[in-house]
Amino acid sequence: MNKNEIKGIDLMPKTITLRLSDTDYAAFAAYAKAENRNLANAIETLALKQLEETLFADALEMEEILSRKDLLKRIQTGIEQAKKGRGTFVD
């Protein structure tokens, strides 16, 4: 295993090509300048922030989830069924 891999996952940074309209480019460039970042770092930072907000529960949402014992029981049941390969995965 190479030093840039953990459990078969390549940890080297990836380069992508991104096509932006002039308006969007100007908005990202203005953000980058205001935050004293280069353009690539600004876009990466904003993208990761959006992912975090979309994929994960914030503290208030987590508090709500943890306070609902019925929901926690259903989540645990789902985890157990998934481990046994039972149930249907929905996209």
PDB file of N, CA and C in Angstrom:
ATOM      1  N   MET A   1       0.857  -1.175   0.000  1.00  0.00           N
ATOM      2  CA  MET A   1       0.000   0.000   0.000  1.00  0.00           C
ATOM      3  C   MET A   1       0.900   1.234   0.000  1.00  0.00           C
ATOM      4  N   ASN A   2       0.582   2.165  -0.842  1.00  0.00           N
ATOM      5  CA  ASN A   2       1.361   3.393  -0.948  1.00  0.00           C
ATOM      6  C   ASN A   2       0.984   4.353   0.179  1.00  0.00           C
ATOM      7  N   LYS A   3       1.911   5.236   0.533  1.00  0.00           N
ATOM      8  CA  LYS A   3       1.700   6.121   1.687  1.00  0.00           C
ATOM      9  C   LYS A   3       0.549   7.108   1.480  1.00  0.00           C
ATOM     10  N   ASN A   4       0.070   7.270   0.241  1.00  0.00           N
ATOM     11  CA  ASN A   4      -1.045   8.167  -0.034  1.00  0.00           C
ATOM     12  C   ASN A   4      -2.377   7.427  -0.098  1.00  0.00           C
ATOM     13  N   GLU A   5      -2.386   6.187   0.437  1.00  0.00           N
ATOM     14  CA  GLU A   5      -3.606   5.397   0.458  1.00  0.00           C
ATOM     15  C   GLU A   5      -3.871   4.893   1.867  1.00  0.00           C
ATOM     16  N   ILE A   6      -5.128   4.861   2.212  1.00  0.00           N
ATOM     17  CA  ILE A   6      -5.568   4.244   3.453  1.00  0.00           C
ATOM     18  C   ILE A   6      -6.709   3.320   3.082  1.00  0.00           C
ATOM     19  N   LYS A   7      -6.544   2.025   3.378  1.00  0.00           N
ATOM     20  CA  LYS A   7      -7.566   1.018   3.054  1.00  0.00           C
ATOM     21  C   LYS A   7      -8.017   1.132   1.605  1.00  0.00           C
ATOM     22  N   GLY A   8      -7.071   1.341   0.688  1.00  0.00           N
ATOM     23  CA  GLY A   8      -7.389   1.372  -0.728  1.00  0.00           C
ATOM     24  C   GLY A   8      -7.982   2.676  -1.239  1.00  0.00           C
ATOM     25  N   ILE A   9      -8.074   3.683  -0.389  1.00  0.00           N
ATOM     26  CA  ILE A   9      -8.610   4.979  -0.800  1.00  0.00           C
ATOM     27  C   ILE A   9      -7.450   5.906  -1.119  1.00  0.00           C
ATOM     28  N   ASP A  10      -7.426   6.414  -2.326  1.00  0.00           N
ATOM     29  CA  ASP A  10      -6.365   7.329  -2.762  1.00  0.00           C
ATOM     30  C   ASP A  10      -6.590   8.686  -2.103  1.00  0.00           C
ATOM     31  N   LEU A  11      -5.574   9.174  -1.387  1.00  0.00           N
ATOM     32  CA  LEU A  11      -5.691  10.430  -0.653  1.00  0.00           C
ATOM     33  C   LEU A  11      -5.071  11.619  -1.380  1.00  0.00           C
ATOM     34  N   MET A  12      -4.591  11.417  -2.585  1.00  0.00           N
ATOM     35  CA  MET A  12      -3.985  12.515  -3.337  1.00  0.00           C
ATOM     36  C   MET A  12      -5.085  13.482  -3.795  1.00  0.00           C
ATOM     37  N   PRO A  13      -4.792  14.779  -3.782  1.00  0.00           N
ATOM     38  CA  PRO A  13      -5.779  15.743  -4.270  1.00  0.00           C
ATOM     39  C   PRO A  13      -6.111  15.483  -5.738  1.00  0.00           C
ATOM     40  N   LYS A  14      -7.325  15.780  -6.114  1.00  0.00           N
ATOM     41  CA  LYS A  14      -7.776  15.594  -7.493  1.00  0.00           C
ATOM     42  C   LYS A  14      -7.961  16.960  -8.151  1.00  0.00           C
ATOM     43  N   THR A  15      -7.695  17.007  -9.432  1.00  0.00           N
ATOM     44  CA  THR A  15      -7.896  18.222 -10.216  1.00  0.00           C
ATOM     45  C   THR A  15      -9.118  18.021 -11.089  1.00  0.00           C
ATOM     46  N   ILE A  16     -10.003  19.012 -11.096  1.00  0.00           N
ATOM     47  CA  ILE A  16     -11.188  18.948 -11.944  1.00  0.00           C
ATOM     48  C   ILE A  16     -11.245  20.193 -12.816  1.00  0.00           C
ATOM     49  N   THR A  17     -12.034  20.102 -13.876  1.00  0.00           N
ATOM     50  CA  THR A  17     -12.300  21.262 -14.715  1.00  0.00           C
ATOM     51  C   THR A  17     -13.714  21.708 -14.409  1.00  0.00           C
ATOM     52  N   LEU A  18     -13.893  22.983 -14.213  1.00  0.00           N
ATOM     53  CA  LEU A  18     -15.195  23.534 -13.852  1.00  0.00           C
ATOM     54  C   LEU A  18     -15.534  24.658 -14.812  1.00  0.00           C
ATOM     55  N   ARG A  19     -16.667  24.566 -15.442  1.00  0.00           N
ATOM     56  CA  ARG A  19     -17.092  25.616 -16.360  1.00  0.00           C
ATOM     57  C   ARG A  19     -18.075  26.532 -15.633  1.00  0.00           C
ATOM     58  N   LEU A  20     -17.758  27.822 -15.598  1.00  0.00           N
ATOM     59  CA  LEU A  20     -18.596  28.820 -14.922  1.00  0.00           C
ATOM     60  C   LEU A  20     -18.973  29.921 -15.899  1.00  0.00           C
ATOM     61  N   SER A  21     -20.160  30.477 -15.700  1.00  0.00           N
ATOM     62  CA  SER A  21     -20.525  31.663 -16.472  1.00  0.00           C
ATOM     63  C   SER A  21     -19.672  32.824 -15.980  1.00  0.00           C
ATOM     64  N   ASP A  22     -19.592  33.877 -16.755  1.00  0.00           N
ATOM     65  CA  ASP A  22     -18.826  35.056 -16.330  1.00  0.00           C
ATOM     66  C   ASP A  22     -19.361  35.605 -15.006  1.00  0.00           C
ATOM     67  N   THR A  23     -20.673  35.577 -14.858  1.00  0.00           N
ATOM     68  CA  THR A  23     -21.302  36.087 -13.631  1.00  0.00           C
ATOM     69  C   THR A  23     -20.904  35.240 -12.424  1.00  0.00           C
ATOM     70  N   ASP A  24     -20.980  33.913 -12.572  1.00  0.00           N
ATOM     71  CA  ASP A  24     -20.611  33.033 -11.465  1.00  0.00           C
ATOM     72  C   ASP A  24     -19.122  33.141 -11.147  1.00  0.00           C
ATOM     73  N   TYR A  25     -18.293  33.225 -12.187  1.00  0.00           N
ATOM     74  CA  TYR A  25     -16.854  33.376 -11.983  1.00  0.00           C
ATOM     75  C   TYR A  25     -16.577  34.649 -11.184  1.00  0.00           C
ATOM     76  N   ALA A  26     -17.230  35.741 -11.567  1.00  0.00           N
ATOM     77  CA  ALA A  26     -17.025  37.017 -10.864  1.00  0.00           C
ATOM     78  C   ALA A  26     -17.448  36.900  -9.396  1.00  0.00           C
ATOM     79  N   ALA A  27     -18.545  36.182  -9.139  1.00  0.00           N
ATOM     80  CA  ALA A  27     -19.018  36.015  -7.760  1.00  0.00           C
ATOM     81  C   ALA A  27     -18.012  35.214  -6.939  1.00  0.00           C
ATOM     82  N   PHE A  28     -17.501  34.114  -7.505  1.00  0.00           N
ATOM     83  CA  PHE A  28     -16.497  33.327  -6.788  1.00  0.00           C
ATOM     84  C   PHE A  28     -15.217  34.122  -6.590  1.00  0.00           C
ATOM     85  N   ALA A  29     -14.808  34.859  -7.611  1.00  0.00           N
ATOM     86  CA  ALA A  29     -13.583  35.658  -7.509  1.00  0.00           C
ATOM     87  C   ALA A  29     -13.720  36.728  -6.432  1.00  0.00           C
ATOM     88  N   ALA A  30     -14.891  37.367  -6.360  1.00  0.00           N
ATOM     89  CA  ALA A  30     -15.118  38.392  -5.335  1.00  0.00           C
ATOM     90  C   ALA A  30     -15.084  37.775  -3.938  1.00  0.00           C
ATOM     91  N   TYR A  31     -15.704  36.603  -3.796  1.00  0.00           N
ATOM     92  CA  TYR A  31     -15.676  35.907  -2.510  1.00  0.00           C
ATOM     93  C   TYR A  31     -14.234  35.564  -2.125  1.00  0.00           C
ATOM     94  N   ALA A  32     -13.496  35.016  -3.076  1.00  0.00           N
ATOM     95  CA  ALA A  32     -12.112  34.626  -2.812  1.00  0.00           C
ATOM     96  C   ALA A  32     -11.283  35.827  -2.361  1.00  0.00           C
ATOM     97  N   LYS A  33     -11.449  36.937  -3.051  1.00  0.00           N
ATOM     98  CA  LYS A  33     -10.688  38.139  -2.690  1.00  0.00           C
ATOM     99  C   LYS A  33     -11.065  38.629  -1.297  1.00  0.00           C
ATOM    100  N   ALA A  34     -12.365  38.651  -1.000  1.00  0.00           N
ATOM    101  CA  ALA A  34     -12.838  39.118   0.307  1.00  0.00           C
ATOM    102  C   ALA A  34     -12.346  38.223   1.441  1.00  0.00           C
ATOM    103  N   GLU A  35     -12.199  36.922   1.163  1.00  0.00           N
ATOM    104  CA  GLU A  35     -11.757  35.969   2.180  1.00  0.00           C
ATOM    105  C   GLU A  35     -10.252  35.730   2.147  1.00  0.00           C
ATOM    106  N   ASN A  36      -9.556  36.471   1.275  1.00  0.00           N
ATOM    107  CA  ASN A  36      -8.104  36.331   1.113  1.00  0.00           C
ATOM    108  C   ASN A  36      -7.718  34.878   0.794  1.00  0.00           C
ATOM    109  N   ARG A  37      -8.437  34.299  -0.165  1.00  0.00           N
ATOM    110  CA  ARG A  37      -8.185  32.923  -0.608  1.00  0.00           C
ATOM    111  C   ARG A  37      -7.916  32.924  -2.099  1.00  0.00           C
ATOM    112  N   ASN A  38      -7.269  31.872  -2.587  1.00  0.00           N
ATOM    113  CA  ASN A  38      -7.191  31.746  -4.033  1.00  0.00           C
ATOM    114  C   ASN A  38      -8.523  31.181  -4.517  1.00  0.00           C
ATOM    115  N   LEU A  39      -8.776  31.281  -5.802  1.00  0.00           N
ATOM    116  CA  LEU A  39     -10.077  30.904  -6.342  1.00  0.00           C
ATOM    117  C   LEU A  39     -10.386  29.422  -6.102  1.00  0.00           C
ATOM    118  N   ALA A  40      -9.427  28.557  -6.341  1.00  0.00           N
ATOM    119  CA  ALA A  40      -9.660  27.120  -6.146  1.00  0.00           C
ATOM    120  C   ALA A  40     -10.018  26.815  -4.698  1.00  0.00           C
ATOM    121  N   ASN A  41      -9.304  27.424  -3.751  1.00  0.00           N
ATOM    122  CA  ASN A  41      -9.573  27.199  -2.336  1.00  0.00           C
ATOM    123  C   ASN A  41     -10.947  27.741  -1.949  1.00  0.00           C
ATOM    124  N   ALA A  42     -11.332  28.879  -2.511  1.00  0.00           N
ATOM    125  CA  ALA A  42     -12.643  29.465  -2.211  1.00  0.00           C
ATOM    126  C   ALA A  42     -13.757  28.537  -2.686  1.00  0.00           C
ATOM    127  N   ILE A  43     -13.634  28.022  -3.900  1.00  0.00           N
ATOM    128  CA  ILE A  43     -14.657  27.126  -4.435  1.00  0.00           C
ATOM    129  C   ILE A  43     -14.711  25.842  -3.614  1.00  0.00           C
ATOM    130  N   GLU A  44     -13.560  25.281  -3.271  1.00  0.00           N
ATOM    131  CA  GLU A  44     -13.513  24.064  -2.460  1.00  0.00           C
ATOM    132  C   GLU A  44     -14.155  24.299  -1.094  1.00  0.00           C
ATOM    133  N   THR A  45     -13.827  25.422  -0.463  1.00  0.00           N
ATOM    134  CA  THR A  45     -14.377  25.747   0.854  1.00  0.00           C
ATOM    135  C   THR A  45     -15.894  25.860   0.800  1.00  0.00           C
ATOM    136  N   LEU A  46     -16.406  26.574  -0.192  1.00  0.00           N
ATOM    137  CA  LEU A  46     -17.861  26.741  -0.317  1.00  0.00           C
ATOM    138  C   LEU A  46     -18.551  25.416  -0.629  1.00  0.00           C
ATOM    139  N   ALA A  47     -17.938  24.607  -1.479  1.00  0.00           N
ATOM    140  CA  ALA A  47     -18.531  23.311  -1.822  1.00  0.00           C
ATOM    141  C   ALA A  47     -18.588  22.396  -0.595  1.00  0.00           C
ATOM    142  N   LEU A  48     -17.507  22.351   0.169  1.00  0.00           N
ATOM    143  CA  LEU A  48     -17.487  21.505   1.366  1.00  0.00           C
ATOM    144  C   LEU A  48     -18.482  21.994   2.416  1.00  0.00           C
ATOM    145  N   LYS A  49     -18.624  23.293   2.554  1.00  0.00           N
ATOM    146  CA  LYS A  49     -19.600  23.850   3.495  1.00  0.00           C
ATOM    147  C   LYS A  49     -21.014  23.441   3.090  1.00  0.00           C
ATOM    148  N   GLN A  50     -21.309  23.525   1.793  1.00  0.00           N
ATOM    149  CA  GLN A  50     -22.626  23.133   1.295  1.00  0.00           C
ATOM    150  C   GLN A  50     -22.880  21.648   1.542  1.00  0.00           C
ATOM    151  N   LEU A  51     -21.883  20.816   1.295  1.00  0.00           N
ATOM    152  CA  LEU A  51     -22.026  19.384   1.558  1.00  0.00           C
ATOM    153  C   LEU A  51     -22.312  19.118   3.029  1.00  0.00           C
ATOM    154  N   GLU A  52     -21.563  19.777   3.888  1.00  0.00           N
ATOM    155  CA  GLU A  52     -21.755  19.584   5.326  1.00  0.00           C
ATOM    156  C   GLU A  52     -23.161  19.982   5.745  1.00  0.00           C
ATOM    157  N   GLU A  53     -23.634  21.112   5.252  1.00  0.00           N
ATOM    158  CA  GLU A  53     -24.977  21.583   5.603  1.00  0.00           C
ATOM    159  C   GLU A  53     -26.056  20.667   5.049  1.00  0.00           C
ATOM    160  N   THR A  54     -25.796  20.050   3.904  1.00  0.00           N
ATOM    161  CA  THR A  54     -26.783  19.201   3.256  1.00  0.00           C
ATOM    162  C   THR A  54     -26.791  17.783   3.814  1.00  0.00           C
ATOM    163  N   LEU A  55     -25.607  17.241   4.099  1.00  0.00           N
ATOM    164  CA  LEU A  55     -25.505  15.837   4.462  1.00  0.00           C
ATOM    165  C   LEU A  55     -25.591  15.549   5.958  1.00  0.00           C
ATOM    166  N   PHE A  56     -25.305  16.521   6.797  1.00  0.00           N
ATOM    167  CA  PHE A  56     -25.225  16.260   8.224  1.00  0.00           C
ATOM    168  C   PHE A  56     -26.212  17.114   9.004  1.00  0.00           C
ATOM    169  N   ALA A  57     -26.665  16.582  10.121  1.00  0.00           N
ATOM    170  CA  ALA A  57     -27.581  17.306  10.988  1.00  0.00           C
ATOM    171  C   ALA A  57     -26.799  18.321  11.818  1.00  0.00           C
ATOM    172  N   ASP A  58     -27.360  19.510  11.974  1.00  0.00           N
ATOM    173  CA  ASP A  58     -26.711  20.488  12.838  1.00  0.00           C
ATOM    174  C   ASP A  58     -27.066  20.181  14.297  1.00  0.00           C
ATOM    175  N   ALA A  59     -26.522  20.944  15.213  1.00  0.00           N
ATOM    176  CA  ALA A  59     -26.696  20.664  16.644  1.00  0.00           C
ATOM    177  C   ALA A  59     -28.171  20.665  17.051  1.00  0.00           C
ATOM    178  N   LEU A  60     -28.951  21.602  16.543  1.00  0.00           N
ATOM    179  CA  LEU A  60     -30.369  21.683  16.888  1.00  0.00           C
ATOM    180  C   LEU A  60     -31.124  20.466  16.358  1.00  0.00           C
ATOM    181  N   GLU A  61     -30.841  20.083  15.113  1.00  0.00           N
ATOM    182  CA  GLU A  61     -31.482  18.903  14.536  1.00  0.00           C
ATOM    183  C   GLU A  61     -31.095  17.641  15.304  1.00  0.00           C
ATOM    184  N   MET A  62     -29.817  17.547  15.674  1.00  0.00           N
ATOM    185  CA  MET A  62     -29.350  16.374  16.412  1.00  0.00           C
ATOM    186  C   MET A  62     -30.027  16.283  17.777  1.00  0.00           C
ATOM    187  N   GLU A  63     -30.194  17.410  18.430  1.00  0.00           N
ATOM    188  CA  GLU A  63     -30.882  17.441  19.730  1.00  0.00           C
ATOM    189  C   GLU A  63     -32.307  16.924  19.578  1.00  0.00           C
ATOM    190  N   GLU A  64     -32.980  17.373  18.513  1.00  0.00           N
ATOM    191  CA  GLU A  64     -34.349  16.924  18.231  1.00  0.00           C
ATOM    192  C   GLU A  64     -34.385  15.413  17.990  1.00  0.00           C
ATOM    193  N   ILE A  65     -33.463  14.912  17.190  1.00  0.00           N
ATOM    194  CA  ILE A  65     -33.407  13.479  16.881  1.00  0.00           C
ATOM    195  C   ILE A  65     -33.186  12.677  18.165  1.00  0.00           C
ATOM    196  N   LEU A  66     -32.213  13.100  18.960  1.00  0.00           N
ATOM    197  CA  LEU A  66     -31.867  12.355  20.172  1.00  0.00           C
ATOM    198  C   LEU A  66     -32.955  12.411  21.236  1.00  0.00           C
ATOM    199  N   SER A  67     -33.825  13.391  21.165  1.00  0.00           N
ATOM    200  CA  SER A  67     -34.904  13.505  22.149  1.00  0.00           C
ATOM    201  C   SER A  67     -36.093  12.611  21.801  1.00  0.00           C
ATOM    202  N   ARG A  68     -36.122  12.081  20.599  1.00  0.00           N
ATOM    203  CA  ARG A  68     -37.255  11.258  20.141  1.00  0.00           C
ATOM    204  C   ARG A  68     -36.912   9.782  20.262  1.00  0.00           C
ATOM    205  N   LYS A  69     -37.308   9.191  21.369  1.00  0.00           N
ATOM    206  CA  LYS A  69     -36.983   7.783  21.646  1.00  0.00           C
ATOM    207  C   LYS A  69     -37.601   6.856  20.602  1.00  0.00           C
ATOM    208  N   ASP A  70     -38.813   7.182  20.116  1.00  0.00           N
ATOM    209  CA  ASP A  70     -39.448   6.349  19.096  1.00  0.00           C
ATOM    210  C   ASP A  70     -38.619   6.344  17.807  1.00  0.00           C
ATOM    211  N   LEU A  71     -38.090   7.488  17.440  1.00  0.00           N
ATOM    212  CA  LEU A  71     -37.274   7.596  16.237  1.00  0.00           C
ATOM    213  C   LEU A  71     -35.959   6.827  16.406  1.00  0.00           C
ATOM    214  N   LEU A  72     -35.330   6.965  17.570  1.00  0.00           N
ATOM    215  CA  LEU A  72     -34.078   6.248  17.825  1.00  0.00           C
ATOM    216  C   LEU A  72     -34.280   4.738  17.751  1.00  0.00           C
ATOM    217  N   LYS A  73     -35.430   4.259  18.260  1.00  0.00           N
ATOM    218  CA  LYS A  73     -35.721   2.835  18.203  1.00  0.00           C
ATOM    219  C   LYS A  73     -35.882   2.386  16.749  1.00  0.00           C
ATOM    220  N   ARG A  74     -36.570   3.181  15.933  1.00  0.00           N
ATOM    221  CA  ARG A  74     -36.753   2.841  14.518  1.00  0.00           C
ATOM    222  C   ARG A  74     -35.416   2.861  13.767  1.00  0.00           C
ATOM    223  N   ILE A  75     -34.562   3.823  14.096  1.00  0.00           N
ATOM    224  CA  ILE A  75     -33.237   3.887  13.469  1.00  0.00           C
ATOM    225  C   ILE A  75     -32.433   2.645  13.832  1.00  0.00           C
ATOM    226  N   GLN A  76     -32.455   2.253  15.102  1.00  0.00           N
ATOM    227  CA  GLN A  76     -31.723   1.062  15.548  1.00  0.00           C
ATOM    228  C   GLN A  76     -32.252  -0.185  14.857  1.00  0.00           C
ATOM    229  N   THR A  77     -33.559  -0.298  14.723  1.00  0.00           N
ATOM    230  CA  THR A  77     -34.157  -1.438  14.013  1.00  0.00           C
ATOM    231  C   THR A  77     -33.673  -1.470  12.569  1.00  0.00           C
ATOM    232  N   GLY A  78     -33.629  -0.311  11.929  1.00  0.00           N
ATOM    233  CA  GLY A  78     -33.155  -0.222  10.552  1.00  0.00           C
ATOM    234  C   GLY A  78     -31.697  -0.640  10.418  1.00  0.00           C
ATOM    235  N   ILE A  79     -30.879  -0.234  11.368  1.00  0.00           N
ATOM    236  CA  ILE A  79     -29.459  -0.611  11.359  1.00  0.00           C
ATOM    237  C   ILE A  79     -29.326  -2.130  11.477  1.00  0.00           C
ATOM    238  N   GLU A  80     -30.076  -2.722  12.395  1.00  0.00           N
ATOM    239  CA  GLU A  80     -30.011  -4.175  12.593  1.00  0.00           C
ATOM    240  C   GLU A  80     -30.483  -4.912  11.347  1.00  0.00           C
ATOM    241  N   GLN A  81     -31.551  -4.435  10.716  1.00  0.00           N
ATOM    242  CA  GLN A  81     -32.048  -5.078   9.498  1.00  0.00           C
ATOM    243  C   GLN A  81     -31.034  -4.936   8.359  1.00  0.00           C
ATOM    244  N   ALA A  82     -30.400  -3.790   8.255  1.00  0.00           N
ATOM    245  CA  ALA A  82     -29.399  -3.580   7.201  1.00  0.00           C
ATOM    246  C   ALA A  82     -28.213  -4.523   7.396  1.00  0.00           C
ATOM    247  N   LYS A  83     -27.780  -4.717   8.627  1.00  0.00           N
ATOM    248  CA  LYS A  83     -26.672  -5.625   8.906  1.00  0.00           C
ATOM    249  C   LYS A  83     -27.008  -7.056   8.491  1.00  0.00           C
ATOM    250  N   LYS A  84     -28.280  -7.423   8.613  1.00  0.00           N
ATOM    251  CA  LYS A  84     -28.726  -8.763   8.236  1.00  0.00           C
ATOM    252  C   LYS A  84     -29.062  -8.848   6.741  1.00  0.00           C
ATOM    253  N   GLY A  85     -28.948  -7.726   6.026  1.00  0.00           N
ATOM    254  CA  GLY A  85     -29.257  -7.723   4.602  1.00  0.00           C
ATOM    255  C   GLY A  85     -30.739  -7.727   4.304  1.00  0.00           C
ATOM    256  N   ARG A  86     -31.527  -7.355   5.279  1.00  0.00           N
ATOM    257  CA  ARG A  86     -32.990  -7.324   5.111  1.00  0.00           C
ATOM    258  C   ARG A  86     -33.445  -5.917   4.765  1.00  0.00           C
ATOM    259  N   GLY A  87     -34.608  -5.814   4.223  1.00  0.00           N
ATOM    260  CA  GLY A  87     -35.162  -4.510   3.892  1.00  0.00           C
ATOM    261  C   GLY A  87     -34.792  -4.073   2.489  1.00  0.00           C
ATOM    262  N   THR A  88     -35.254  -2.899   2.126  1.00  0.00           N
ATOM    263  CA  THR A  88     -35.013  -2.354   0.794  1.00  0.00           C
ATOM    264  C   THR A  88     -34.366  -0.988   0.926  1.00  0.00           C
ATOM    265  N   PHE A  89     -33.299  -0.768   0.167  1.00  0.00           N
ATOM    266  CA  PHE A  89     -32.635   0.527   0.168  1.00  0.00           C
ATOM    267  C   PHE A  89     -33.344   1.426  -0.841  1.00  0.00           C
ATOM    268  N   VAL A  90     -33.631   2.636  -0.429  1.00  0.00           N
ATOM    269  CA  VAL A  90     -34.338   3.589  -1.272  1.00  0.00           C
ATOM    270  C   VAL A  90     -33.392   4.743  -1.593  1.00  0.00           C
ATOM    271  N   ASP A  91     -33.278   5.075  -2.866  1.00  0.00           N
ATOM    272  CA  ASP A  91     -32.422   6.197  -3.280  1.00  0.00           C
ATOM    273  C   ASP A  91     -33.138   7.509  -3.078  1.00  0.00           C
TER     274      ASP A  91
END
